Protein backbone atom coordinates (compact mmCIF):
# COMPACT_ATOMS: atom_id res chain seq x y z
CA MET A 1 22.83 -0.65 -10.58
CA VAL A 2 26.40 -0.36 -9.31
CA ILE A 3 28.23 2.96 -9.04
CA ARG A 4 32.06 2.86 -8.83
CA ASN A 5 34.92 5.33 -9.23
CA THR A 6 33.09 8.25 -7.63
CA PRO A 7 35.13 11.48 -8.00
CA GLY A 8 36.91 12.14 -4.69
CA GLY A 9 36.90 8.43 -3.81
CA PHE A 10 33.84 8.40 -1.53
CA PRO A 11 31.82 6.35 -1.60
CA LYS A 12 33.96 3.52 -2.94
CA GLU A 13 30.92 1.67 -4.32
CA THR A 14 27.14 2.05 -4.23
CA ARG A 15 24.76 -0.79 -5.10
CA ILE A 16 21.08 -0.18 -5.81
CA ASN A 17 18.66 -3.04 -6.43
CA GLY A 18 15.12 -1.98 -7.26
CA LYS A 19 11.98 -2.32 -9.31
CA LEU A 20 10.33 0.32 -11.48
CA ASP A 21 6.60 -0.31 -11.95
CA LEU A 22 5.49 1.59 -15.04
CA THR A 23 1.79 0.82 -14.46
CA LEU A 24 1.63 2.28 -10.95
CA GLN A 25 4.51 4.69 -11.65
CA THR A 26 6.46 3.65 -8.55
CA PHE A 27 10.06 2.78 -7.74
CA LYS A 28 11.14 0.66 -4.75
CA ALA A 29 14.76 -0.24 -4.01
CA THR A 30 17.36 -1.28 -1.46
CA TYR A 31 20.82 0.26 -1.39
CA GLU A 32 24.25 -0.43 0.08
CA ILE A 33 27.12 2.07 0.24
CA ASP A 34 30.72 0.93 0.78
CA ASP A 35 33.66 3.04 1.86
CA ASN A 36 37.28 1.83 2.02
CA SER A 37 36.55 -0.08 5.28
CA GLY A 38 33.51 -1.98 3.97
CA LEU A 39 29.78 -1.45 4.39
CA PHE A 40 29.13 2.18 5.36
CA ALA A 41 25.34 2.44 5.02
CA GLU A 42 22.32 0.47 3.82
CA GLY A 43 18.61 1.09 3.55
CA THR A 44 15.56 1.33 1.36
CA ALA A 45 14.30 3.95 -1.06
CA ALA A 46 10.93 4.56 -2.68
CA ALA A 47 9.51 7.08 -5.11
CA HIS A 48 6.26 7.56 -6.98
CA VAL A 49 4.49 9.96 -9.28
CA HIS A 50 1.84 11.99 -7.47
CA LYS A 51 -1.51 11.30 -9.11
CA LYS A 52 -5.11 11.05 -8.02
CA PRO A 53 -6.75 7.67 -7.50
CA ALA A 54 -8.52 6.06 -10.45
CA ILE A 55 -12.02 4.75 -9.78
CA LYS A 56 -13.74 2.01 -11.73
CA ALA A 57 -17.48 1.94 -11.09
CA PRO A 58 -20.59 1.81 -13.26
CA ALA A 59 -21.87 5.11 -14.66
CA GLU A 60 -25.46 3.94 -14.23
CA VAL A 61 -27.26 1.41 -12.05
CA ASN A 62 -30.86 0.44 -12.80
CA VAL A 63 -33.05 -0.19 -9.75
CA ILE A 64 -36.71 -1.10 -9.35
CA THR A 65 -37.15 -0.01 -5.74
CA LYS A 66 -36.07 2.93 -3.60
CA THR A 67 -32.73 1.27 -2.80
CA GLY A 68 -29.73 0.31 -4.91
CA GLU A 69 -26.18 -0.93 -4.69
CA ALA A 70 -23.01 -0.51 -6.76
CA THR A 71 -19.38 -1.61 -6.50
CA ALA A 72 -16.32 0.62 -6.93
CA LYS A 73 -12.67 -0.42 -7.31
CA VAL A 74 -9.91 2.11 -6.60
CA THR A 75 -6.38 2.03 -8.03
CA SER A 76 -3.69 4.26 -6.55
CA ASN A 77 0.09 4.17 -6.25
CA THR A 78 -0.17 5.24 -2.60
CA LYS A 79 -2.40 4.04 0.23
CA ILE A 80 -6.07 5.02 0.15
CA LYS A 81 -6.67 7.12 3.27
CA LYS A 82 -10.37 7.92 2.93
CA VAL A 83 -13.42 6.94 0.90
CA GLU A 84 -16.75 8.73 1.09
CA VAL A 85 -20.07 9.00 -0.71
CA SER A 86 -22.61 11.78 -1.01
CA SER A 87 -25.78 12.50 -2.95
CA PRO A 88 -26.60 16.00 -4.18
CA ASP A 89 -30.09 14.64 -4.92
CA GLY A 90 -30.93 13.80 -1.30
CA ALA A 91 -30.50 10.02 -1.21
CA THR A 92 -29.17 8.31 1.90
CA VAL A 93 -25.79 6.80 1.04
CA GLU A 94 -23.11 4.71 2.72
CA VAL A 95 -19.92 2.97 1.69
CA SER A 96 -18.47 -0.24 3.13
CA GLY A 97 -15.88 -2.85 2.28
CA ASN A 98 -12.27 -2.54 1.29
CA ASN A 99 -11.49 -2.36 -2.42
CA PRO A 100 -13.81 -3.25 -3.93
CA TYR A 101 -16.09 -0.93 -2.00
CA THR A 102 -19.85 -1.39 -1.81
CA ILE A 103 -21.97 1.72 -2.24
CA LYS A 104 -25.53 1.55 -0.93
CA ALA A 105 -28.12 4.20 -1.76
CA GLY A 106 -31.57 4.55 -0.23
CA LYS A 107 -34.56 6.88 -0.47
CA LEU A 108 -34.25 6.90 -4.26
CA SER A 109 -37.47 8.82 -4.85
CA LYS A 110 -36.48 10.48 -8.14
CA ALA A 111 -36.33 8.87 -11.57
CA THR A 112 -32.54 9.51 -11.55
CA THR A 113 -30.44 10.06 -8.43
CA ARG A 114 -26.76 10.97 -8.49
CA VAL A 115 -24.33 9.47 -5.99
CA ILE A 116 -20.75 10.71 -5.86
CA PHE A 117 -17.99 8.33 -4.68
CA ARG A 118 -14.66 9.90 -3.66
CA ALA A 119 -11.33 8.31 -2.74
CA THR A 120 -8.39 10.24 -1.25
CA ASN A 121 -4.85 8.81 -1.23
CA ALA A 122 -1.83 9.38 1.02
CA ASP A 123 -0.68 12.24 -1.23
CA GLY A 124 -3.92 14.09 -0.41
CA LEU A 125 -5.22 13.73 -3.96
CA THR A 126 -8.87 12.83 -4.55
CA GLY A 127 -10.51 10.99 -7.43
CA SER A 128 -14.28 10.93 -7.86
CA LYS A 129 -16.91 9.09 -9.86
CA THR A 130 -20.59 9.92 -10.25
CA ILE A 131 -22.98 6.96 -10.37
CA ARG A 132 -26.54 7.54 -11.52
CA PHE A 133 -29.16 5.32 -9.89
CA ILE A 134 -32.08 5.06 -12.33
CA ARG A 135 -35.50 3.95 -11.12
CA THR A 136 -36.75 1.82 -14.00
CA ASP A 137 -40.24 1.70 -12.47
CA LEU A 138 -40.48 5.50 -12.87
CA LYS A 139 -39.60 5.67 -16.56
CA SER A 140 -43.10 6.57 -17.76
CA GLY A 141 -44.43 10.01 -16.89
CA ALA A 142 -47.60 8.54 -15.39
CA ALA A 143 -45.69 6.31 -12.98
CA ALA A 144 -43.46 9.20 -11.94
CA LEU A 145 -46.48 11.39 -11.17
CA THR A 146 -48.32 8.77 -9.13
CA ASP A 147 -45.25 7.78 -7.09
CA ARG A 148 -44.51 11.31 -5.87
């Protein structure tokens, strides 16, 4: 984009060269501003829509032991600052890797155990996804009673 004939005569000309990414909802550009003597200022500009990270991970993971693993991929238009996992059902959980992230859950003693994966971006917004780890060896009532 080039801007000329600014009312008042300053700046003489402004040039902006940038890219609008509709998928990530971001805009990145360089600019140059000329006055009557030539180049007056130059720099970069960036803008984005504030939105929480999107997480792609399975809703359910079938396991046959007391441990399980899942993968999560995070999409955000700003840098991911923090990822964390927790289990309201008492499992031991940890997250490792760097997009995709690996979620490991242990002490899966219930037939179904929930694990919550959270990602927080540079805007301070958090997305979350609940993954249910399902013990397929505990599907029958008899197996569930004898295992506890």
